[in-house]
Amino acid sequence: VEAVRTPRTVDTGGLLGYRTRVGSFTTSADAAATLATVK
């Protein structure tokens, strides 16, 4: 789970919320099996 903070502009900036990610892969194709498990 990663906190997502966005860069400051004139009228925005700060914590957007949280995202959930899984794994670290060399190519998008390598992520296919993990994505299938997520679904």
PDB file of all heavy atoms in Angstrom:
ATOM      1  N   VAL A   1       0.860  -1.178   0.000  1.00  0.00           N
ATOM      2  CA  VAL A   1       0.000   0.000   0.000  1.00  0.00           C
ATOM      3  C   VAL A   1       0.898   1.229   0.000  1.00  0.00           C
ATOM      4  O   VAL A   1       1.789   1.359   0.847  1.00  0.00           O
ATOM      5  CB  VAL A   1      -0.938   0.006   1.218  1.00  0.00           C
ATOM      6  CG1 VAL A   1      -1.690   1.330   1.316  1.00  0.00           C
ATOM      7  CG2 VAL A   1      -1.914  -1.166   1.135  1.00  0.00           C
ATOM      8  N   GLU A   2       0.666   2.134  -0.963  1.00  0.00           N
ATOM      9  CA  GLU A   2       1.520   3.314  -1.129  1.00  0.00           C
ATOM     10  C   GLU A   2       0.703   4.584  -0.979  1.00  0.00           C
ATOM     11  O   GLU A   2      -0.360   4.730  -1.601  1.00  0.00           O
ATOM     12  CB  GLU A   2       2.180   3.304  -2.510  1.00  0.00           C
ATOM     13  CG  GLU A   2       3.054   2.087  -2.759  1.00  0.00           C
ATOM     14  CD  GLU A   2       3.552   2.001  -4.194  1.00  0.00           C
ATOM     15  OE1 GLU A   2       2.996   2.703  -5.073  1.00  0.00           O
ATOM     16  OE2 GLU A   2       4.490   1.215  -4.438  1.00  0.00           O
ATOM     17  N   ALA A   3       1.190   5.498  -0.156  1.00  0.00           N
ATOM     18  CA  ALA A   3       0.584   6.836  -0.084  1.00  0.00           C
ATOM     19  C   ALA A   3       0.969   7.600  -1.346  1.00  0.00           C
ATOM     20  O   ALA A   3       2.117   7.553  -1.788  1.00  0.00           O
ATOM     21  CB  ALA A   3       1.084   7.572   1.146  1.00  0.00           C
ATOM     22  N   VAL A   4       0.008   8.285  -1.938  1.00  0.00           N
ATOM     23  CA  VAL A   4       0.242   9.035  -3.173  1.00  0.00           C
ATOM     24  C   VAL A   4       0.109  10.524  -2.882  1.00  0.00           C
ATOM     25  O   VAL A   4      -0.987  11.003  -2.550  1.00  0.00           O
ATOM     26  CB  VAL A   4      -0.742   8.621  -4.281  1.00  0.00           C
ATOM     27  CG1 VAL A   4      -0.473   9.421  -5.550  1.00  0.00           C
ATOM     28  CG2 VAL A   4      -0.634   7.125  -4.552  1.00  0.00           C
ATOM     29  N   ARG A   5       1.219  11.204  -2.987  1.00  0.00           N
ATOM     30  CA  ARG A   5       1.240  12.664  -2.792  1.00  0.00           C
ATOM     31  C   ARG A   5       1.544  13.328  -4.118  1.00  0.00           C
ATOM     32  O   ARG A   5       2.472  12.926  -4.818  1.00  0.00           O
ATOM     33  CB  ARG A   5       2.259  13.055  -1.719  1.00  0.00           C
ATOM     34  CG  ARG A   5       1.845  12.593  -0.317  1.00  0.00           C
ATOM     35  CD  ARG A   5       2.865  12.919   0.751  1.00  0.00           C
ATOM     36  NE  ARG A   5       2.349  12.619   2.072  1.00  0.00           N
ATOM     37  CZ  ARG A   5       2.336  11.400   2.622  1.00  0.00           C
ATOM     38  NH1 ARG A   5       2.851  10.366   1.939  1.00  0.00           N
ATOM     39  NH2 ARG A   5       1.828  11.212   3.826  1.00  0.00           N
ATOM     40  N   THR A   6       0.762  14.332  -4.451  1.00  0.00           N
ATOM     41  CA  THR A   6       0.893  14.963  -5.760  1.00  0.00           C
ATOM     42  C   THR A   6       1.683  16.258  -5.654  1.00  0.00           C
ATOM     43  O   THR A   6       1.586  16.971  -4.639  1.00  0.00           O
ATOM     44  CB  THR A   6      -0.501  15.221  -6.372  1.00  0.00           C
ATOM     45  OG1 THR A   6      -0.358  15.516  -7.765  1.00  0.00           O
ATOM     46  CG2 THR A   6      -1.236  16.356  -5.679  1.00  0.00           C
ATOM     47  N   PRO A   7       2.487  16.592  -6.665  1.00  0.00           N
ATOM     48  CA  PRO A   7       3.275  17.823  -6.628  1.00  0.00           C
ATOM     49  C   PRO A   7       2.404  19.058  -6.484  1.00  0.00           C
ATOM     50  O   PRO A   7       1.250  19.096  -6.925  1.00  0.00           O
ATOM     51  CB  PRO A   7       3.996  17.819  -7.982  1.00  0.00           C
ATOM     52  CG  PRO A   7       4.046  16.378  -8.374  1.00  0.00           C
ATOM     53  CD  PRO A   7       2.772  15.788  -7.860  1.00  0.00           C
ATOM     54  N   ARG A   8       2.966  20.068  -5.912  1.00  0.00           N
ATOM     55  CA  ARG A   8       2.242  21.309  -5.676  1.00  0.00           C
ATOM     56  C   ARG A   8       2.150  22.141  -6.951  1.00  0.00           C
ATOM     57  O   ARG A   8       3.120  22.276  -7.686  1.00  0.00           O
ATOM     58  CB  ARG A   8       2.909  22.128  -4.579  1.00  0.00           C
ATOM     59  CG  ARG A   8       2.129  23.379  -4.205  1.00  0.00           C
ATOM     60  CD  ARG A   8       2.656  24.028  -2.945  1.00  0.00           C
ATOM     61  NE  ARG A   8       1.888  25.207  -2.614  1.00  0.00           N
ATOM     62  CZ  ARG A   8       0.727  25.196  -2.001  1.00  0.00           C
ATOM     63  NH1 ARG A   8       0.195  24.043  -1.649  1.00  0.00           N
ATOM     64  NH2 ARG A   8       0.078  26.307  -1.727  1.00  0.00           N
ATOM     65  N   THR A   9       0.957  22.661  -7.209  1.00  0.00           N
ATOM     66  CA  THR A   9       0.733  23.668  -8.244  1.00  0.00           C
ATOM     67  C   THR A   9       0.157  24.900  -7.563  1.00  0.00           C
ATOM     68  O   THR A   9       0.126  24.980  -6.337  1.00  0.00           O
ATOM     69  CB  THR A   9      -0.245  23.151  -9.322  1.00  0.00           C
ATOM     70  OG1 THR A   9      -1.551  23.005  -8.739  1.00  0.00           O
ATOM     71  CG2 THR A   9       0.206  21.810  -9.885  1.00  0.00           C
ATOM     72  N   VAL A  10      -0.328  25.853  -8.340  1.00  0.00           N
ATOM     73  CA  VAL A  10      -0.943  27.047  -7.759  1.00  0.00           C
ATOM     74  C   VAL A  10      -2.101  26.682  -6.849  1.00  0.00           C
ATOM     75  O   VAL A  10      -2.287  27.284  -5.780  1.00  0.00           O
ATOM     76  CB  VAL A  10      -1.421  28.007  -8.876  1.00  0.00           C
ATOM     77  CG1 VAL A  10      -2.332  29.091  -8.316  1.00  0.00           C
ATOM     78  CG2 VAL A  10      -0.217  28.647  -9.563  1.00  0.00           C
ATOM     79  N   ASP A  11      -2.888  25.671  -7.242  1.00  0.00           N
ATOM     80  CA  ASP A  11      -4.126  25.412  -6.504  1.00  0.00           C
ATOM     81  C   ASP A  11      -4.331  23.940  -6.139  1.00  0.00           C
ATOM     82  O   ASP A  11      -5.430  23.533  -5.805  1.00  0.00           O
ATOM     83  CB  ASP A  11      -5.336  25.930  -7.291  1.00  0.00           C
ATOM     84  CG  ASP A  11      -5.395  25.405  -8.714  1.00  0.00           C
ATOM     85  OD1 ASP A  11      -4.642  24.452  -9.032  1.00  0.00           O
ATOM     86  OD2 ASP A  11      -6.171  25.934  -9.520  1.00  0.00           O
ATOM     87  N   THR A  12      -3.312  23.120  -6.229  1.00  0.00           N
ATOM     88  CA  THR A  12      -3.410  21.733  -5.809  1.00  0.00           C
ATOM     89  C   THR A  12      -2.106  21.312  -5.140  1.00  0.00           C
ATOM     90  O   THR A  12      -1.095  21.988  -5.226  1.00  0.00           O
ATOM     91  CB  THR A  12      -3.657  20.776  -7.000  1.00  0.00           C
ATOM     92  OG1 THR A  12      -2.576  20.919  -7.927  1.00  0.00           O
ATOM     93  CG2 THR A  12      -4.962  21.065  -7.694  1.00  0.00           C
ATOM     94  N   GLY A  13      -2.133  20.163  -4.507  1.00  0.00           N
ATOM     95  CA  GLY A  13      -0.917  19.614  -3.919  1.00  0.00           C
ATOM     96  C   GLY A  13      -1.226  18.865  -2.635  1.00  0.00           C
ATOM     97  O   GLY A  13      -2.096  19.260  -1.871  1.00  0.00           O
ATOM     98  N   GLY A  14      -0.507  17.791  -2.375  1.00  0.00           N
ATOM     99  CA  GLY A  14      -0.660  17.067  -1.127  1.00  0.00           C
ATOM    100  C   GLY A  14      -1.108  15.641  -1.316  1.00  0.00           C
ATOM    101  O   GLY A  14      -0.940  15.046  -2.385  1.00  0.00           O
ATOM    102  N   LEU A  15      -1.673  15.080  -0.268  1.00  0.00           N
ATOM    103  CA  LEU A  15      -2.054  13.674  -0.260  1.00  0.00           C
ATOM    104  C   LEU A  15      -3.327  13.450  -1.073  1.00  0.00           C
ATOM    105  O   LEU A  15      -4.383  13.987  -0.766  1.00  0.00           O
ATOM    106  CB  LEU A  15      -2.274  13.211   1.185  1.00  0.00           C
ATOM    107  CG  LEU A  15      -2.656  11.740   1.369  1.00  0.00           C
ATOM    108  CD1 LEU A  15      -1.506  10.826   0.935  1.00  0.00           C
ATOM    109  CD2 LEU A  15      -3.041  11.482   2.820  1.00  0.00           C
ATOM    110  N   LEU A  16      -3.211  12.604  -2.120  1.00  0.00           N
ATOM    111  CA  LEU A  16      -4.385  12.220  -2.904  1.00  0.00           C
ATOM    112  C   LEU A  16      -5.121  11.052  -2.261  1.00  0.00           C
ATOM    113  O   LEU A  16      -6.347  10.985  -2.291  1.00  0.00           O
ATOM    114  CB  LEU A  16      -3.959  11.809  -4.318  1.00  0.00           C
ATOM    115  CG  LEU A  16      -3.669  12.902  -5.335  1.00  0.00           C
ATOM    116  CD1 LEU A  16      -3.187  12.282  -6.628  1.00  0.00           C
ATOM    117  CD2 LEU A  16      -4.900  13.755  -5.590  1.00  0.00           C
ATOM    118  N   GLY A  17      -4.369  10.107  -1.714  1.00  0.00           N
ATOM    119  CA  GLY A  17      -4.961   8.912  -1.133  1.00  0.00           C
ATOM    120  C   GLY A  17      -3.947   7.789  -1.186  1.00  0.00           C
ATOM    121  O   GLY A  17      -2.731   8.034  -1.150  1.00  0.00           O
ATOM    122  N   TYR A  18      -4.453   6.551  -1.336  1.00  0.00           N
ATOM    123  CA  TYR A  18      -3.578   5.374  -1.258  1.00  0.00           C
ATOM    124  C   TYR A  18      -3.887   4.439  -2.414  1.00  0.00           C
ATOM    125  O   TYR A  18      -5.024   4.303  -2.845  1.00  0.00           O
ATOM    126  CB  TYR A  18      -3.787   4.654   0.077  1.00  0.00           C
ATOM    127  CG  TYR A  18      -3.363   5.506   1.250  1.00  0.00           C
ATOM    128  CD1 TYR A  18      -4.220   6.493   1.764  1.00  0.00           C
ATOM    129  CD2 TYR A  18      -2.107   5.366   1.819  1.00  0.00           C
ATOM    130  CE1 TYR A  18      -3.828   7.303   2.818  1.00  0.00           C
ATOM    131  CE2 TYR A  18      -1.697   6.172   2.878  1.00  0.00           C
ATOM    132  CZ  TYR A  18      -2.566   7.136   3.368  1.00  0.00           C
ATOM    133  OH  TYR A  18      -2.164   7.950   4.404  1.00  0.00           O
ATOM    134  N   ARG A  19      -2.836   3.801  -2.926  1.00  0.00           N
ATOM    135  CA  ARG A  19      -2.999   2.819  -3.996  1.00  0.00           C
ATOM    136  C   ARG A  19      -2.417   1.484  -3.543  1.00  0.00           C
ATOM    137  O   ARG A  19      -1.503   1.433  -2.703  1.00  0.00           O
ATOM    138  CB  ARG A  19      -2.308   3.295  -5.275  1.00  0.00           C
ATOM    139  CG  ARG A  19      -0.804   3.390  -5.176  1.00  0.00           C
ATOM    140  CD  ARG A  19      -0.187   4.083  -6.377  1.00  0.00           C
ATOM    141  NE  ARG A  19       1.245   4.313  -6.158  1.00  0.00           N
ATOM    142  CZ  ARG A  19       1.938   5.319  -6.673  1.00  0.00           C
ATOM    143  NH1 ARG A  19       1.352   6.223  -7.455  1.00  0.00           N
ATOM    144  NH2 ARG A  19       3.233   5.445  -6.432  1.00  0.00           N
ATOM    145  N   THR A  20      -2.938   0.419  -4.130  1.00  0.00           N
ATOM    146  CA  THR A  20      -2.457  -0.926  -3.823  1.00  0.00           C
ATOM    147  C   THR A  20      -1.812  -1.502  -5.072  1.00  0.00           C
ATOM    148  O   THR A  20      -2.433  -1.531  -6.146  1.00  0.00           O
ATOM    149  CB  THR A  20      -3.615  -1.826  -3.374  1.00  0.00           C
ATOM    150  OG1 THR A  20      -4.307  -1.208  -2.284  1.00  0.00           O
ATOM    151  CG2 THR A  20      -3.103  -3.185  -2.945  1.00  0.00           C
ATOM    152  N   ARG A  21      -0.571  -1.950  -4.924  1.00  0.00           N
ATOM    153  CA  ARG A  21       0.170  -2.529  -6.037  1.00  0.00           C
ATOM    154  C   ARG A  21       0.754  -3.876  -5.629  1.00  0.00           C
ATOM    155  O   ARG A  21       0.977  -4.143  -4.452  1.00  0.00           O
ATOM    156  CB  ARG A  21       1.274  -1.578  -6.496  1.00  0.00           C
ATOM    157  CG  ARG A  21       0.731  -0.353  -7.229  1.00  0.00           C
ATOM    158  CD  ARG A  21       1.827   0.593  -7.645  1.00  0.00           C
ATOM    159  NE  ARG A  21       1.337   1.596  -8.589  1.00  0.00           N
ATOM    160  CZ  ARG A  21       2.072   2.570  -9.110  1.00  0.00           C
ATOM    161  NH1 ARG A  21       3.364   2.682  -8.770  1.00  0.00           N
ATOM    162  NH2 ARG A  21       1.563   3.427  -9.970  1.00  0.00           N
ATOM    163  N   VAL A  22       1.030  -4.686  -6.668  1.00  0.00           N
ATOM    164  CA  VAL A  22       1.548  -6.026  -6.420  1.00  0.00           C
ATOM    165  C   VAL A  22       2.692  -6.308  -7.392  1.00  0.00           C
ATOM    166  O   VAL A  22       2.517  -6.171  -8.611  1.00  0.00           O
ATOM    167  CB  VAL A  22       0.455  -7.108  -6.607  1.00  0.00           C
ATOM    168  CG1 VAL A  22       1.017  -8.489  -6.240  1.00  0.00           C
ATOM    169  CG2 VAL A  22      -0.790  -6.785  -5.793  1.00  0.00           C
ATOM    170  N   GLY A  23       3.837  -6.711  -6.863  1.00  0.00           N
ATOM    171  CA  GLY A  23       4.918  -7.228  -7.683  1.00  0.00           C
ATOM    172  C   GLY A  23       5.783  -6.192  -8.349  1.00  0.00           C
ATOM    173  O   GLY A  23       5.496  -4.993  -8.351  1.00  0.00           O
ATOM    174  N   SER A  24       6.875  -6.695  -8.937  1.00  0.00           N
ATOM    175  CA  SER A  24       7.820  -5.888  -9.691  1.00  0.00           C
ATOM    176  C   SER A  24       8.332  -6.752 -10.833  1.00  0.00           C
ATOM    177  O   SER A  24       8.909  -7.820 -10.598  1.00  0.00           O
ATOM    178  CB  SER A  24       8.978  -5.431  -8.799  1.00  0.00           C
ATOM    179  OG  SER A  24       9.919  -4.681  -9.536  1.00  0.00           O
ATOM    180  N   PHE A  25       8.119  -6.291 -12.080  1.00  0.00           N
ATOM    181  CA  PHE A  25       8.364  -7.133 -13.243  1.00  0.00           C
ATOM    182  C   PHE A  25       9.191  -6.394 -14.290  1.00  0.00           C
ATOM    183  O   PHE A  25       9.127  -5.168 -14.402  1.00  0.00           O
ATOM    184  CB  PHE A  25       7.038  -7.585 -13.857  1.00  0.00           C
ATOM    185  CG  PHE A  25       6.088  -8.184 -12.856  1.00  0.00           C
ATOM    186  CD1 PHE A  25       5.103  -7.404 -12.251  1.00  0.00           C
ATOM    187  CD2 PHE A  25       6.199  -9.518 -12.500  1.00  0.00           C
ATOM    188  CE1 PHE A  25       4.237  -7.947 -11.329  1.00  0.00           C
ATOM    189  CE2 PHE A  25       5.331 -10.076 -11.573  1.00  0.00           C
ATOM    190  CZ  PHE A  25       4.345  -9.293 -10.979  1.00  0.00           C
ATOM    191  N   THR A  26       9.905  -7.173 -15.106  1.00  0.00           N
ATOM    192  CA  THR A  26      10.745  -6.579 -16.149  1.00  0.00           C
ATOM    193  C   THR A  26       9.910  -6.075 -17.317  1.00  0.00           C
ATOM    194  O   THR A  26      10.200  -5.032 -17.904  1.00  0.00           O
ATOM    195  CB  THR A  26      11.771  -7.612 -16.651  1.00  0.00           C
ATOM    196  OG1 THR A  26      12.552  -8.072 -15.545  1.00  0.00           O
ATOM    197  CG2 THR A  26      12.707  -6.994 -17.692  1.00  0.00           C
ATOM    198  N   THR A  27       8.860  -6.796 -17.670  1.00  0.00           N
ATOM    199  CA  THR A  27       7.982  -6.402 -18.777  1.00  0.00           C
ATOM    200  C   THR A  27       6.531  -6.497 -18.335  1.00  0.00           C
ATOM    201  O   THR A  27       6.206  -7.151 -17.332  1.00  0.00           O
ATOM    202  CB  THR A  27       8.183  -7.304 -20.006  1.00  0.00           C
ATOM    203  OG1 THR A  27       7.684  -8.620 -19.712  1.00  0.00           O
ATOM    204  CG2 THR A  27       9.662  -7.395 -20.388  1.00  0.00           C
ATOM    205  N   SER A  28       5.666  -5.884 -19.113  1.00  0.00           N
ATOM    206  CA  SER A  28       4.234  -5.960 -18.803  1.00  0.00           C
ATOM    207  C   SER A  28       3.734  -7.393 -18.952  1.00  0.00           C
ATOM    208  O   SER A  28       2.848  -7.835 -18.208  1.00  0.00           O
ATOM    209  CB  SER A  28       3.438  -5.022 -19.712  1.00  0.00           C
ATOM    210  OG  SER A  28       3.637  -5.352 -21.076  1.00  0.00           O
ATOM    211  N   ALA A  29       4.285  -8.136 -19.895  1.00  0.00           N
ATOM    212  CA  ALA A  29       3.861  -9.518 -20.085  1.00  0.00           C
ATOM    213  C   ALA A  29       4.195 -10.369 -18.860  1.00  0.00           C
ATOM    214  O   ALA A  29       3.444 -11.297 -18.512  1.00  0.00           O
ATOM    215  CB  ALA A  29       4.520 -10.111 -21.326  1.00  0.00           C
ATOM    216  N   ASP A  30       5.299 -10.033 -18.199  1.00  0.00           N
ATOM    217  CA  ASP A  30       5.687 -10.793 -17.013  1.00  0.00           C
ATOM    218  C   ASP A  30       4.676 -10.647 -15.880  1.00  0.00           C
ATOM    219  O   ASP A  30       4.638 -11.468 -14.957  1.00  0.00           O
ATOM    220  CB  ASP A  30       7.069 -10.331 -16.516  1.00  0.00           C
ATOM    221  CG  ASP A  30       8.181 -10.675 -17.493  1.00  0.00           C
ATOM    222  OD1 ASP A  30       7.986 -11.588 -18.310  1.00  0.00           O
ATOM    223  OD2 ASP A  30       9.242 -10.014 -17.451  1.00  0.00           O
ATOM    224  N   ALA A  31       3.884  -9.574 -15.922  1.00  0.00           N
ATOM    225  CA  ALA A  31       2.903  -9.321 -14.864  1.00  0.00           C
ATOM    226  C   ALA A  31       1.592 -10.070 -15.080  1.00  0.00           C
ATOM    227  O   ALA A  31       0.701 -10.017 -14.226  1.00  0.00           O
ATOM    228  CB  ALA A  31       2.625  -7.825 -14.767  1.00  0.00           C
ATOM    229  N   ALA A  32       1.451 -10.775 -16.217  1.00  0.00           N
ATOM    230  CA  ALA A  32       0.162 -11.360 -16.594  1.00  0.00           C
ATOM    231  C   ALA A  32      -0.351 -12.358 -15.558  1.00  0.00           C
ATOM    232  O   ALA A  32      -1.540 -12.349 -15.209  1.00  0.00           O
ATOM    233  CB  ALA A  32       0.276 -12.034 -17.962  1.00  0.00           C
ATOM    234  N   ALA A  33       0.522 -13.230 -15.061  1.00  0.00           N
ATOM    235  CA  ALA A  33       0.067 -14.249 -14.111  1.00  0.00           C
ATOM    236  C   ALA A  33      -0.421 -13.621 -12.816  1.00  0.00           C
ATOM    237  O   ALA A  33      -1.458 -14.023 -12.256  1.00  0.00           O
ATOM    238  CB  ALA A  33       1.195 -15.243 -13.833  1.00  0.00           C
ATOM    239  N   THR A  34       0.321 -12.622 -12.325  1.00  0.00           N
ATOM    240  CA  THR A  34      -0.099 -11.929 -11.102  1.00  0.00           C
ATOM    241  C   THR A  34      -1.413 -11.197 -11.316  1.00  0.00           C
ATOM    242  O   THR A  34      -2.304 -11.209 -10.454  1.00  0.00           O
ATOM    243  CB  THR A  34       0.993 -10.949 -10.645  1.00  0.00           C
ATOM    244  OG1 THR A  34       2.165 -11.692 -10.312  1.00  0.00           O
ATOM    245  CG2 THR A  34       0.542 -10.138  -9.441  1.00  0.00           C
ATOM    246  N   LEU A  35      -1.560 -10.557 -12.473  1.00  0.00           N
ATOM    247  CA  LEU A  35      -2.808  -9.854 -12.782  1.00  0.00           C
ATOM    248  C   LEU A  35      -3.977 -10.837 -12.810  1.00  0.00           C
ATOM    249  O   LEU A  35      -5.069 -10.518 -12.321  1.00  0.00           O
ATOM    250  CB  LEU A  35      -2.683  -9.121 -14.113  1.00  0.00           C
ATOM    251  CG  LEU A  35      -3.904  -8.346 -14.584  1.00  0.00           C
ATOM    252  CD1 LEU A  35      -4.325  -7.302 -13.548  1.00  0.00           C
ATOM    253  CD2 LEU A  35      -3.625  -7.663 -15.930  1.00  0.00           C
ATOM    254  N   ALA A  36      -3.765 -12.020 -13.344  1.00  0.00           N
ATOM    255  CA  ALA A  36      -4.836 -13.019 -13.379  1.00  0.00           C
ATOM    256  C   ALA A  36      -5.243 -13.439 -11.972  1.00  0.00           C
ATOM    257  O   ALA A  36      -6.432 -13.625 -11.689  1.00  0.00           O
ATOM    258  CB  ALA A  36      -4.366 -14.239 -14.180  1.00  0.00           C
ATOM    259  N   THR A  37      -4.276 -13.538 -11.072  1.00  0.00           N
ATOM    260  CA  THR A  37      -4.593 -13.881  -9.681  1.00  0.00           C
ATOM    261  C   THR A  37      -5.379 -12.763  -9.005  1.00  0.00           C
ATOM    262  O   THR A  37      -6.315 -13.023  -8.241  1.00  0.00           O
ATOM    263  CB  THR A  37      -3.291 -14.159  -8.898  1.00  0.00           C
ATOM    264  OG1 THR A  37      -2.561 -15.196  -9.558  1.00  0.00           O
ATOM    265  CG2 THR A  37      -3.587 -14.589  -7.468  1.00  0.00           C
ATOM    266  N   VAL A  38      -4.992 -11.522  -9.273  1.00  0.00           N
ATOM    267  CA  VAL A  38      -5.713 -10.372  -8.728  1.00  0.00           C
ATOM    268  C   VAL A  38      -7.172 -10.405  -9.183  1.00  0.00           C
ATOM    269  O   VAL A  38      -8.100 -10.212  -8.381  1.00  0.00           O
ATOM    270  CB  VAL A  38      -5.031  -9.053  -9.164  1.00  0.00           C
ATOM    271  CG1 VAL A  38      -5.939  -7.850  -8.878  1.00  0.00           C
ATOM    272  CG2 VAL A  38      -3.694  -8.880  -8.459  1.00  0.00           C
ATOM    273  N   LYS A  39      -7.403 -10.670 -10.455  1.00  0.00           N
ATOM    274  CA  LYS A  39      -8.771 -10.694 -10.976  1.00  0.00           C
ATOM    275  C   LYS A  39      -9.551 -11.873 -10.430  1.00  0.00           C
ATOM    276  O   LYS A  39     -10.754 -11.761 -10.152  1.00  0.00           O
ATOM    277  CB  LYS A  39      -8.731 -10.712 -12.498  1.00  0.00           C
ATOM    278  CG  LYS A  39      -8.224  -9.404 -13.102  1.00  0.00           C
ATOM    279  CD  LYS A  39      -8.262  -9.423 -14.625  1.00  0.00           C
ATOM    280  CE  LYS A  39      -7.841  -8.078 -15.189  1.00  0.00           C
ATOM    281  NZ  LYS A  39      -7.870  -8.056 -16.682  1.00  0.00           N
TER     282      LYS A  39
END
